[in-house]
Amino acid sequence: MLGDLVNEKKPKMSILKQSCLITAIILLAEYVTGLIVNVWLKLKVWDYSQFKFHLNGQICLNYATLWFLLSPLLIWSGDTIRWLLFNEAKPLSLLNTYKGLVSTKKTCKI
């Protein structure tokens, strides 16, 4: 999972920074995919041109915000899967993971 990749590479990175990085990676992947599928292949799978703050109709601020708000869930689910399957440290609760968006503390396991 993307949250695992970010979390494992920089385990001391705050939830806020991890969420920003995850959002940027998702938006980059969506933009590149959109250019290939929608622009070059002309399949017109999605078009965000009707939204404010879009980039070539392939990504927009509305969905960037959604991805940012879903990122802590990705981080938590990856941590929980590793805890259940590989006996890694127990993750923070989902609520505490979301609290990490407004906290400057580093991520930590309990």
PDB file of N, CA and C in Angstrom:
ATOM      1  N   MET A   1       0.831  -1.186   0.000  1.00  0.00           N
ATOM      2  CA  MET A   1       0.000   0.000   0.000  1.00  0.00           C
ATOM      3  C   MET A   1       0.874   1.246   0.000  1.00  0.00           C
ATOM      4  N   LEU A   2       0.324   2.303  -0.519  1.00  0.00           N
ATOM      5  CA  LEU A   2       1.062   3.555  -0.600  1.00  0.00           C
ATOM      6  C   LEU A   2       1.422   4.083   0.780  1.00  0.00           C
ATOM      7  N   GLY A   3       0.488   3.973   1.728  1.00  0.00           N
ATOM      8  CA  GLY A   3       0.762   4.412   3.095  1.00  0.00           C
ATOM      9  C   GLY A   3       1.919   3.648   3.706  1.00  0.00           C
ATOM     10  N   ASP A   4       2.019   2.358   3.401  1.00  0.00           N
ATOM     11  CA  ASP A   4       3.130   1.548   3.906  1.00  0.00           C
ATOM     12  C   ASP A   4       4.450   2.036   3.350  1.00  0.00           C
ATOM     13  N   LEU A   5       4.479   2.326   2.066  1.00  0.00           N
ATOM     14  CA  LEU A   5       5.701   2.784   1.418  1.00  0.00           C
ATOM     15  C   LEU A   5       6.206   4.055   2.080  1.00  0.00           C
ATOM     16  N   VAL A   6       5.339   5.009   2.278  1.00  0.00           N
ATOM     17  CA  VAL A   6       5.728   6.273   2.902  1.00  0.00           C
ATOM     18  C   VAL A   6       6.095   6.054   4.353  1.00  0.00           C
ATOM     19  N   ASN A   7       5.300   5.285   5.077  1.00  0.00           N
ATOM     20  CA  ASN A   7       5.508   5.060   6.498  1.00  0.00           C
ATOM     21  C   ASN A   7       6.798   4.288   6.770  1.00  0.00           C
ATOM     22  N   GLU A   8       7.129   3.334   5.937  1.00  0.00           N
ATOM     23  CA  GLU A   8       8.320   2.520   6.156  1.00  0.00           C
ATOM     24  C   GLU A   8       9.601   3.257   5.779  1.00  0.00           C
ATOM     25  N   LYS A   9       9.543   4.103   4.783  1.00  0.00           N
ATOM     26  CA  LYS A   9      10.747   4.824   4.360  1.00  0.00           C
ATOM     27  C   LYS A   9      11.140   5.892   5.362  1.00  0.00           C
ATOM     28  N   LYS A  10      10.159   6.542   5.941  1.00  0.00           N
ATOM     29  CA  LYS A  10      10.401   7.607   6.908  1.00  0.00           C
ATOM     30  C   LYS A  10       9.508   7.395   8.123  1.00  0.00           C
ATOM     31  N   PRO A  11       9.829   6.424   8.981  1.00  0.00           N
ATOM     32  CA  PRO A  11       8.925   6.115  10.091  1.00  0.00           C
ATOM     33  C   PRO A  11       8.777   7.241  11.106  1.00  0.00           C
ATOM     34  N   LYS A  12       9.649   8.215  11.119  1.00  0.00           N
ATOM     35  CA  LYS A  12       9.555   9.319  12.066  1.00  0.00           C
ATOM     36  C   LYS A  12       8.858  10.531  11.456  1.00  0.00           C
ATOM     37  N   MET A  13       8.363  10.390  10.230  1.00  0.00           N
ATOM     38  CA  MET A  13       7.677  11.488   9.569  1.00  0.00           C
ATOM     39  C   MET A  13       6.291  11.670  10.200  1.00  0.00           C
ATOM     40  N   SER A  14       5.876  12.903  10.405  1.00  0.00           N
ATOM     41  CA  SER A  14       4.569  13.162  11.001  1.00  0.00           C
ATOM     42  C   SER A  14       3.452  12.690  10.065  1.00  0.00           C
ATOM     43  N   ILE A  15       2.292  12.461  10.650  1.00  0.00           N
ATOM     44  CA  ILE A  15       1.119  12.049   9.865  1.00  0.00           C
ATOM     45  C   ILE A  15       0.807  13.128   8.826  1.00  0.00           C
ATOM     46  N   LEU A  16       0.942  14.380   9.206  1.00  0.00           N
ATOM     47  CA  LEU A  16       0.673  15.480   8.280  1.00  0.00           C
ATOM     48  C   LEU A  16       1.587  15.407   7.059  1.00  0.00           C
ATOM     49  N   LYS A  17       2.872  15.227   7.290  1.00  0.00           N
ATOM     50  CA  LYS A  17       3.822  15.142   6.163  1.00  0.00           C
ATOM     51  C   LYS A  17       3.579  13.883   5.334  1.00  0.00           C
ATOM     52  N   GLN A  18       3.286  12.767   5.999  1.00  0.00           N
ATOM     53  CA  GLN A  18       2.978  11.538   5.268  1.00  0.00           C
ATOM     54  C   GLN A  18       1.743  11.732   4.396  1.00  0.00           C
ATOM     55  N   SER A  19       0.725  12.387   4.940  1.00  0.00           N
ATOM     56  CA  SER A  19      -0.507  12.618   4.188  1.00  0.00           C
ATOM     57  C   SER A  19      -0.261  13.527   2.987  1.00  0.00           C
ATOM     58  N   CYS A  20       0.547  14.542   3.165  1.00  0.00           N
ATOM     59  CA  CYS A  20       0.891  15.431   2.044  1.00  0.00           C
ATOM     60  C   CYS A  20       1.646  14.666   0.961  1.00  0.00           C
ATOM     61  N   LEU A  21       2.584  13.831   1.373  1.00  0.00           N
ATOM     62  CA  LEU A  21       3.363  13.054   0.414  1.00  0.00           C
ATOM     63  C   LEU A  21       2.483  12.036  -0.319  1.00  0.00           C
ATOM     64  N   ILE A  22       1.626  11.354   0.405  1.00  0.00           N
ATOM     65  CA  ILE A  22       0.710  10.391  -0.211  1.00  0.00           C
ATOM     66  C   ILE A  22      -0.200  11.097  -1.215  1.00  0.00           C
ATOM     67  N   THR A  23      -0.734  12.251  -0.832  1.00  0.00           N
ATOM     68  CA  THR A  23      -1.607  13.021  -1.726  1.00  0.00           C
ATOM     69  C   THR A  23      -0.856  13.425  -2.984  1.00  0.00           C
ATOM     70  N   ALA A  24       0.367  13.887  -2.844  1.00  0.00           N
ATOM     71  CA  ALA A  24       1.162  14.298  -4.007  1.00  0.00           C
ATOM     72  C   ALA A  24       1.425  13.115  -4.942  1.00  0.00           C
ATOM     73  N   ILE A  25       1.741  11.956  -4.381  1.00  0.00           N
ATOM     74  CA  ILE A  25       1.999  10.768  -5.197  1.00  0.00           C
ATOM     75  C   ILE A  25       0.733  10.345  -5.947  1.00  0.00           C
ATOM     76  N   ILE A  26      -0.397  10.343  -5.249  1.00  0.00           N
ATOM     77  CA  ILE A  26      -1.660   9.968  -5.890  1.00  0.00           C
ATOM     78  C   ILE A  26      -2.010  10.948  -7.009  1.00  0.00           C
ATOM     79  N   LEU A  27      -1.860  12.248  -6.751  1.00  0.00           N
ATOM     80  CA  LEU A  27      -2.186  13.245  -7.772  1.00  0.00           C
ATOM     81  C   LEU A  27      -1.265  13.134  -8.981  1.00  0.00           C
ATOM     82  N   LEU A  28       0.002  12.880  -8.742  1.00  0.00           N
ATOM     83  CA  LEU A  28       0.940  12.701  -9.850  1.00  0.00           C
ATOM     84  C   LEU A  28       0.551  11.483 -10.684  1.00  0.00           C
ATOM     85  N   ALA A  29       0.227  10.383 -10.012  1.00  0.00           N
ATOM     86  CA  ALA A  29      -0.192   9.168 -10.735  1.00  0.00           C
ATOM     87  C   ALA A  29      -1.488   9.412 -11.505  1.00  0.00           C
ATOM     88  N   GLU A  30      -2.439  10.129 -10.892  1.00  0.00           N
ATOM     89  CA  GLU A  30      -3.701  10.423 -11.566  1.00  0.00           C
ATOM     90  C   GLU A  30      -3.480  11.336 -12.772  1.00  0.00           C
ATOM     91  N   TYR A  31      -2.595  12.306 -12.626  1.00  0.00           N
ATOM     92  CA  TYR A  31      -2.323  13.239 -13.718  1.00  0.00           C
ATOM     93  C   TYR A  31      -1.669  12.522 -14.904  1.00  0.00           C
ATOM     94  N   VAL A  32      -0.652  11.736 -14.618  1.00  0.00           N
ATOM     95  CA  VAL A  32       0.040  11.001 -15.686  1.00  0.00           C
ATOM     96  C   VAL A  32      -0.913  10.013 -16.354  1.00  0.00           C
ATOM     97  N   THR A  33      -1.687   9.294 -15.551  1.00  0.00           N
ATOM     98  CA  THR A  33      -2.668   8.359 -16.103  1.00  0.00           C
ATOM     99  C   THR A  33      -3.699   9.096 -16.947  1.00  0.00           C
ATOM    100  N   GLY A  34      -4.151  10.247 -16.470  1.00  0.00           N
ATOM    101  CA  GLY A  34      -5.113  11.046 -17.219  1.00  0.00           C
ATOM    102  C   GLY A  34      -4.561  11.517 -18.550  1.00  0.00           C
ATOM    103  N   LEU A  35      -3.300  11.936 -18.560  1.00  0.00           N
ATOM    104  CA  LEU A  35      -2.695  12.356 -19.825  1.00  0.00           C
ATOM    105  C   LEU A  35      -2.655  11.204 -20.824  1.00  0.00           C
ATOM    106  N   ILE A  36      -2.309  10.027 -20.340  1.00  0.00           N
ATOM    107  CA  ILE A  36      -2.222   8.869 -21.234  1.00  0.00           C
ATOM    108  C   ILE A  36      -3.613   8.432 -21.689  1.00  0.00           C
ATOM    109  N   VAL A  37      -4.509   8.195 -20.735  1.00  0.00           N
ATOM    110  CA  VAL A  37      -5.823   7.625 -21.043  1.00  0.00           C
ATOM    111  C   VAL A  37      -6.763   8.641 -21.686  1.00  0.00           C
ATOM    112  N   ASN A  38      -6.818   9.836 -21.119  1.00  0.00           N
ATOM    113  CA  ASN A  38      -7.801  10.817 -21.580  1.00  0.00           C
ATOM    114  C   ASN A  38      -7.321  11.687 -22.733  1.00  0.00           C
ATOM    115  N   VAL A  39      -6.054  12.069 -22.705  1.00  0.00           N
ATOM    116  CA  VAL A  39      -5.555  12.994 -23.725  1.00  0.00           C
ATOM    117  C   VAL A  39      -4.970  12.231 -24.912  1.00  0.00           C
ATOM    118  N   TRP A  40      -4.000  11.383 -24.677  1.00  0.00           N
ATOM    119  CA  TRP A  40      -3.326  10.709 -25.794  1.00  0.00           C
ATOM    120  C   TRP A  40      -4.201   9.633 -26.429  1.00  0.00           C
ATOM    121  N   LEU A  41      -4.848   8.792 -25.607  1.00  0.00           N
ATOM    122  CA  LEU A  41      -5.686   7.722 -26.152  1.00  0.00           C
ATOM    123  C   LEU A  41      -7.117   8.188 -26.427  1.00  0.00           C
ATOM    124  N   LYS A  42      -7.458   9.398 -25.962  1.00  0.00           N
ATOM    125  CA  LYS A  42      -8.775  10.003 -26.178  1.00  0.00           C
ATOM    126  C   LYS A  42      -9.945   9.126 -25.708  1.00  0.00           C
ATOM    127  N   LEU A  43      -9.772   8.430 -24.584  1.00  0.00           N
ATOM    128  CA  LEU A  43     -10.829   7.588 -24.035  1.00  0.00           C
ATOM    129  C   LEU A  43     -11.808   8.374 -23.164  1.00  0.00           C
ATOM    130  N   LYS A  44     -11.402   9.553 -22.723  1.00  0.00           N
ATOM    131  CA  LYS A  44     -12.267  10.447 -21.933  1.00  0.00           C
ATOM    132  C   LYS A  44     -12.937   9.729 -20.758  1.00  0.00           C
ATOM    133  N   VAL A  45     -12.124   9.099 -19.933  1.00  0.00           N
ATOM    134  CA  VAL A  45     -12.627   8.377 -18.764  1.00  0.00           C
ATOM    135  C   VAL A  45     -13.096   9.358 -17.690  1.00  0.00           C
ATOM    136  N   TRP A  46     -12.379  10.457 -17.480  1.00  0.00           N
ATOM    137  CA  TRP A  46     -12.803  11.493 -16.552  1.00  0.00           C
ATOM    138  C   TRP A  46     -12.364  12.851 -17.082  1.00  0.00           C
ATOM    139  N   ASP A  47     -13.059  13.876 -16.619  1.00  0.00           N
ATOM    140  CA  ASP A  47     -12.753  15.242 -17.014  1.00  0.00           C
ATOM    141  C   ASP A  47     -13.177  16.167 -15.877  1.00  0.00           C
ATOM    142  N   TYR A  48     -12.213  16.796 -15.252  1.00  0.00           N
ATOM    143  CA  TYR A  48     -12.478  17.689 -14.131  1.00  0.00           C
ATOM    144  C   TYR A  48     -12.510  19.151 -14.567  1.00  0.00           C
ATOM    145  N   SER A  49     -12.670  19.412 -15.847  1.00  0.00           N
ATOM    146  CA  SER A  49     -12.655  20.786 -16.356  1.00  0.00           C
ATOM    147  C   SER A  49     -13.757  21.650 -15.750  1.00  0.00           C
ATOM    148  N   GLN A  50     -14.859  21.061 -15.332  1.00  0.00           N
ATOM    149  CA  GLN A  50     -15.962  21.826 -14.764  1.00  0.00           C
ATOM    150  C   GLN A  50     -15.679  22.281 -13.338  1.00  0.00           C
ATOM    151  N   PHE A  51     -14.657  21.718 -12.696  1.00  0.00           N
ATOM    152  CA  PHE A  51     -14.300  22.113 -11.335  1.00  0.00           C
ATOM    153  C   PHE A  51     -13.336  23.298 -11.360  1.00  0.00           C
ATOM    154  N   LYS A  52     -13.425  24.134 -10.319  1.00  0.00           N
ATOM    155  CA  LYS A  52     -12.427  25.198 -10.165  1.00  0.00           C
ATOM    156  C   LYS A  52     -11.102  24.554  -9.772  1.00  0.00           C
ATOM    157  N   PHE A  53     -10.027  25.226 -10.069  1.00  0.00           N
ATOM    158  CA  PHE A  53      -8.682  24.805  -9.677  1.00  0.00           C
ATOM    159  C   PHE A  53      -8.329  23.419 -10.199  1.00  0.00           C
ATOM    160  N   HIS A  54      -8.593  23.181 -11.475  1.00  0.00           N
ATOM    161  CA  HIS A  54      -8.203  21.923 -12.100  1.00  0.00           C
ATOM    162  C   HIS A  54      -6.926  22.149 -12.908  1.00  0.00           C
ATOM    163  N   LEU A  55      -6.231  21.080 -13.226  1.00  0.00           N
ATOM    164  CA  LEU A  55      -5.033  21.146 -14.058  1.00  0.00           C
ATOM    165  C   LEU A  55      -5.293  20.296 -15.291  1.00  0.00           C
ATOM    166  N   ASN A  56      -5.510  20.956 -16.400  1.00  0.00           N
ATOM    167  CA  ASN A  56      -5.787  20.296 -17.685  1.00  0.00           C
ATOM    168  C   ASN A  56      -6.964  19.322 -17.609  1.00  0.00           C
ATOM    169  N   GLY A  57      -7.851  19.500 -16.663  1.00  0.00           N
ATOM    170  CA  GLY A  57      -9.011  18.631 -16.526  1.00  0.00           C
ATOM    171  C   GLY A  57      -8.685  17.242 -15.996  1.00  0.00           C
ATOM    172  N   GLN A  58      -7.445  17.004 -15.591  1.00  0.00           N
ATOM    173  CA  GLN A  58      -7.028  15.669 -15.162  1.00  0.00           C
ATOM    174  C   GLN A  58      -7.000  15.515 -13.643  1.00  0.00           C
ATOM    175  N   ILE A  59      -6.696  16.573 -12.919  1.00  0.00           N
ATOM    176  CA  ILE A  59      -6.731  16.564 -11.457  1.00  0.00           C
ATOM    177  C   ILE A  59      -7.350  17.880 -11.005  1.00  0.00           C
ATOM    178  N   CYS A  60      -7.891  17.887  -9.782  1.00  0.00           N
ATOM    179  CA  CYS A  60      -8.472  19.121  -9.265  1.00  0.00           C
ATOM    180  C   CYS A  60      -8.329  19.174  -7.748  1.00  0.00           C
ATOM    181  N   LEU A  61      -8.493  20.369  -7.232  1.00  0.00           N
ATOM    182  CA  LEU A  61      -8.331  20.596  -5.797  1.00  0.00           C
ATOM    183  C   LEU A  61      -9.363  19.824  -4.974  1.00  0.00           C
ATOM    184  N   ASN A  62     -10.580  19.665  -5.487  1.00  0.00           N
ATOM    185  CA  ASN A  62     -11.608  18.930  -4.747  1.00  0.00           C
ATOM    186  C   ASN A  62     -11.136  17.521  -4.396  1.00  0.00           C
ATOM    187  N   TYR A  63     -10.599  16.819  -5.381  1.00  0.00           N
ATOM    188  CA  TYR A  63     -10.160  15.447  -5.144  1.00  0.00           C
ATOM    189  C   TYR A  63      -8.825  15.394  -4.413  1.00  0.00           C
ATOM    190  N   ALA A  64      -8.003  16.411  -4.568  1.00  0.00           N
ATOM    191  CA  ALA A  64      -6.769  16.476  -3.784  1.00  0.00           C
ATOM    192  C   ALA A  64      -7.109  16.533  -2.297  1.00  0.00           C
ATOM    193  N   THR A  65      -8.113  17.321  -1.965  1.00  0.00           N
ATOM    194  CA  THR A  65      -8.565  17.416  -0.572  1.00  0.00           C
ATOM    195  C   THR A  65      -9.095  16.074  -0.081  1.00  0.00           C
ATOM    196  N   LEU A  66      -9.863  15.410  -0.913  1.00  0.00           N
ATOM    197  CA  LEU A  66     -10.390  14.091  -0.547  1.00  0.00           C
ATOM    198  C   LEU A  66      -9.257  13.098  -0.296  1.00  0.00           C
ATOM    199  N   TRP A  67      -8.274  13.056  -1.191  1.00  0.00           N
ATOM    200  CA  TRP A  67      -7.143  12.142  -1.004  1.00  0.00           C
ATOM    201  C   TRP A  67      -6.370  12.465   0.271  1.00  0.00           C
ATOM    202  N   PHE A  68      -6.206  13.765   0.548  1.00  0.00           N
ATOM    203  CA  PHE A  68      -5.504  14.165   1.762  1.00  0.00           C
ATOM    204  C   PHE A  68      -6.241  13.659   3.006  1.00  0.00           C
ATOM    205  N   LEU A  69      -7.559  13.785   3.000  1.00  0.00           N
ATOM    206  CA  LEU A  69      -8.346  13.347   4.159  1.00  0.00           C
ATOM    207  C   LEU A  69      -8.426  11.825   4.273  1.00  0.00           C
ATOM    208  N   LEU A  70      -8.248  11.097   3.185  1.00  0.00           N
ATOM    209  CA  LEU A  70      -8.242   9.638   3.230  1.00  0.00           C
ATOM    210  C   LEU A  70      -6.856   9.064   3.557  1.00  0.00           C
ATOM    211  N   SER A  71      -5.817   9.865   3.420  1.00  0.00           N
ATOM    212  CA  SER A  71      -4.450   9.377   3.646  1.00  0.00           C
ATOM    213  C   SER A  71      -4.216   8.796   5.037  1.00  0.00           C
ATOM    214  N   PRO A  72      -4.681   9.418   6.118  1.00  0.00           N
ATOM    215  CA  PRO A  72      -4.478   8.792   7.431  1.00  0.00           C
ATOM    216  C   PRO A  72      -5.131   7.408   7.525  1.00  0.00           C
ATOM    217  N   LEU A  73      -6.258   7.213   6.848  1.00  0.00           N
ATOM    218  CA  LEU A  73      -6.883   5.894   6.817  1.00  0.00           C
ATOM    219  C   LEU A  73      -5.969   4.887   6.128  1.00  0.00           C
ATOM    220  N   LEU A  74      -5.303   5.303   5.054  1.00  0.00           N
ATOM    221  CA  LEU A  74      -4.348   4.426   4.370  1.00  0.00           C
ATOM    222  C   LEU A  74      -3.170   4.086   5.275  1.00  0.00           C
ATOM    223  N   ILE A  75      -2.666   5.081   5.972  1.00  0.00           N
ATOM    224  CA  ILE A  75      -1.535   4.864   6.886  1.00  0.00           C
ATOM    225  C   ILE A  75      -1.943   3.890   7.991  1.00  0.00           C
ATOM    226  N   TRP A  76      -3.099   4.152   8.599  1.00  0.00           N
ATOM    227  CA  TRP A  76      -3.580   3.299   9.692  1.00  0.00           C
ATOM    228  C   TRP A  76      -3.834   1.867   9.221  1.00  0.00           C
ATOM    229  N   SER A  77      -4.462   1.714   8.051  1.00  0.00           N
ATOM    230  CA  SER A  77      -4.769   0.361   7.574  1.00  0.00           C
ATOM    231  C   SER A  77      -3.490  -0.415   7.269  1.00  0.00           C
ATOM    232  N   GLY A  78      -2.495   0.241   6.709  1.00  0.00           N
ATOM    233  CA  GLY A  78      -1.218  -0.432   6.464  1.00  0.00           C
ATOM    234  C   GLY A  78      -0.541  -0.856   7.754  1.00  0.00           C
ATOM    235  N   ASP A  79      -0.552   0.037   8.736  1.00  0.00           N
ATOM    236  CA  ASP A  79       0.028  -0.295  10.049  1.00  0.00           C
ATOM    237  C   ASP A  79      -0.721  -1.453  10.705  1.00  0.00           C
ATOM    238  N   THR A  80      -2.036  -1.447  10.595  1.00  0.00           N
ATOM    239  CA  THR A  80      -2.859  -2.493  11.208  1.00  0.00           C
ATOM    240  C   THR A  80      -2.622  -3.844  10.532  1.00  0.00           C
ATOM    241  N   ILE A  81      -2.526  -3.851   9.231  1.00  0.00           N
ATOM    242  CA  ILE A  81      -2.245  -5.104   8.501  1.00  0.00           C
ATOM    243  C   ILE A  81      -0.888  -5.662   8.901  1.00  0.00           C
ATOM    244  N   ARG A  82       0.127  -4.794   8.992  1.00  0.00           N
ATOM    245  CA  ARG A  82       1.458  -5.274   9.404  1.00  0.00           C
ATOM    246  C   ARG A  82       1.436  -5.778  10.841  1.00  0.00           C
ATOM    247  N   TRP A  83       0.645  -5.147  11.702  1.00  0.00           N
ATOM    248  CA  TRP A  83       0.523  -5.585  13.088  1.00  0.00           C
ATOM    249  C   TRP A  83      -0.138  -6.959  13.161  1.00  0.00           C
ATOM    250  N   LEU A  84      -1.213  -7.141  12.410  1.00  0.00           N
ATOM    251  CA  LEU A  84      -1.953  -8.408  12.452  1.00  0.00           C
ATOM    252  C   LEU A  84      -1.205  -9.557  11.771  1.00  0.00           C
ATOM    253  N   LEU A  85      -0.572  -9.281  10.654  1.00  0.00           N
ATOM    254  CA  LEU A  85       0.062 -10.350   9.884  1.00  0.00           C
ATOM    255  C   LEU A  85       1.524 -10.607  10.237  1.00  0.00           C
ATOM    256  N   PHE A  86       2.229  -9.558  10.620  1.00  0.00           N
ATOM    257  CA  PHE A  86       3.672  -9.691  10.803  1.00  0.00           C
ATOM    258  C   PHE A  86       4.146  -9.368  12.216  1.00  0.00           C
ATOM    259  N   ASN A  87       3.193  -9.255  13.143  1.00  0.00           N
ATOM    260  CA  ASN A  87       3.514  -9.001  14.550  1.00  0.00           C
ATOM    261  C   ASN A  87       4.379  -7.766  14.764  1.00  0.00           C
ATOM    262  N   GLU A  88       4.171  -6.743  13.934  1.00  0.00           N
ATOM    263  CA  GLU A  88       4.878  -5.482  14.160  1.00  0.00           C
ATOM    264  C   GLU A  88       4.198  -4.744  15.301  1.00  0.00           C
ATOM    265  N   ALA A  89       4.737  -3.601  15.663  1.00  0.00           N
ATOM    266  CA  ALA A  89       4.192  -2.836  16.785  1.00  0.00           C
ATOM    267  C   ALA A  89       2.733  -2.470  16.539  1.00  0.00           C
ATOM    268  N   LYS A  90       1.964  -2.474  17.614  1.00  0.00           N
ATOM    269  CA  LYS A  90       0.549  -2.124  17.515  1.00  0.00           C
ATOM    270  C   LYS A  90       0.427  -0.671  17.055  1.00  0.00           C
ATOM    271  N   PRO A  91      -0.428  -0.415  16.063  1.00  0.00           N
ATOM    272  CA  PRO A  91      -0.549   0.963  15.556  1.00  0.00           C
ATOM    273  C   PRO A  91      -1.365   1.843  16.480  1.00  0.00           C
ATOM    274  N   LEU A  92      -1.272   3.136  16.227  1.00  0.00           N
ATOM    275  CA  LEU A  92      -2.144   4.083  16.901  1.00  0.00           C
ATOM    276  C   LEU A  92      -3.587   3.766  16.517  1.00  0.00           C
ATOM    277  N   SER A  93      -4.528   4.200  17.308  1.00  0.00           N
ATOM    278  CA  SER A  93      -5.930   4.040  16.922  1.00  0.00           C
ATOM    279  C   SER A  93      -6.199   4.922  15.699  1.00  0.00           C
ATOM    280  N   LEU A  94      -7.267   4.616  14.989  1.00  0.00           N
ATOM    281  CA  LEU A  94      -7.609   5.410  13.809  1.00  0.00           C
ATOM    282  C   LEU A  94      -7.856   6.867  14.204  1.00  0.00           C
ATOM    283  N   LEU A  95      -8.521   7.084  15.328  1.00  0.00           N
ATOM    284  CA  LEU A  95      -8.777   8.442  15.800  1.00  0.00           C
ATOM    285  C   LEU A  95      -7.469   9.178  16.074  1.00  0.00           C
ATOM    286  N   ASN A  96      -6.531   8.521  16.741  1.00  0.00           N
ATOM    287  CA  ASN A  96      -5.243   9.157  17.025  1.00  0.00           C
ATOM    288  C   ASN A  96      -4.438   9.390  15.752  1.00  0.00           C
ATOM    289  N   THR A  97      -4.604   8.518  14.772  1.00  0.00           N
ATOM    290  CA  THR A  97      -3.925   8.734  13.498  1.00  0.00           C
ATOM    291  C   THR A  97      -4.465   9.998  12.853  1.00  0.00           C
ATOM    292  N   TYR A  98      -5.776  10.172  12.866  1.00  0.00           N
ATOM    293  CA  TYR A  98      -6.364  11.403  12.308  1.00  0.00           C
ATOM    294  C   TYR A  98      -5.991  12.632  13.127  1.00  0.00           C
ATOM    295  N   LYS A  99      -5.846  12.477  14.433  1.00  0.00           N
ATOM    296  CA  LYS A  99      -5.406  13.604  15.262  1.00  0.00           C
ATOM    297  C   LYS A  99      -4.000  14.038  14.858  1.00  0.00           C
ATOM    298  N   GLY A 100      -3.242  13.107  14.283  1.00  0.00           N
ATOM    299  CA  GLY A 100      -1.896  13.424  13.824  1.00  0.00           C
ATOM    300  C   GLY A 100      -1.866  14.451  12.702  1.00  0.00           C
ATOM    301  N   LEU A 101      -2.993  14.661  12.044  1.00  0.00           N
ATOM    302  CA  LEU A 101      -3.039  15.695  11.000  1.00  0.00           C
ATOM    303  C   LEU A 101      -2.864  17.095  11.569  1.00  0.00           C
ATOM    304  N   VAL A 102      -3.296  17.288  12.808  1.00  0.00           N
ATOM    305  CA  VAL A 102      -3.200  18.613  13.411  1.00  0.00           C
ATOM    306  C   VAL A 102      -2.115  18.688  14.482  1.00  0.00           C
ATOM    307  N   SER A 103      -1.440  17.599  14.723  1.00  0.00           N
ATOM    308  CA  SER A 103      -0.390  17.544  15.729  1.00  0.00           C
ATOM    309  C   SER A 103       0.974  17.625  15.047  1.00  0.00           C
ATOM    310  N   THR A 104       1.940  18.210  15.740  1.00  0.00           N
ATOM    311  CA  THR A 104       3.294  18.282  15.194  1.00  0.00           C
ATOM    312  C   THR A 104       4.156  17.122  15.688  1.00  0.00           C
ATOM    313  N   LYS A 105       3.573  16.246  16.496  1.00  0.00           N
ATOM    314  CA  LYS A 105       4.344  15.104  17.006  1.00  0.00           C
ATOM    315  C   LYS A 105       4.658  14.128  15.886  1.00  0.00           C
ATOM    316  N   LYS A 106       5.767  13.433  16.058  1.00  0.00           N
ATOM    317  CA  LYS A 106       6.140  12.390  15.100  1.00  0.00           C
ATOM    318  C   LYS A 106       5.240  11.186  15.292  1.00  0.00           C
ATOM    319  N   THR A 107       5.163  10.358  14.273  1.00  0.00           N
ATOM    320  CA  THR A 107       4.369   9.145  14.423  1.00  0.00           C
ATOM    321  C   THR A 107       5.058   8.233  15.406  1.00  0.00           C
ATOM    322  N   CYS A 108       4.273   7.505  16.155  1.00  0.00           N
ATOM    323  CA  CYS A 108       4.849   6.555  17.100  1.00  0.00           C
ATOM    324  C   CYS A 108       3.884   5.410  17.274  1.00  0.00           C
ATOM    325  N   LYS A 109       4.414   4.296  17.671  1.00  0.00           N
ATOM    326  CA  LYS A 109       3.611   3.113  17.922  1.00  0.00           C
ATOM    327  C   LYS A 109       3.387   3.007  19.420  1.00  0.00           C
ATOM    328  N   ILE A 110       2.255   2.398  19.816  1.00  0.00           N
ATOM    329  CA  ILE A 110       2.008   2.223  21.243  1.00  0.00           C
ATOM    330  C   ILE A 110       2.038   0.743  21.578  1.00  0.00           C
TER     331      ILE A 110
END
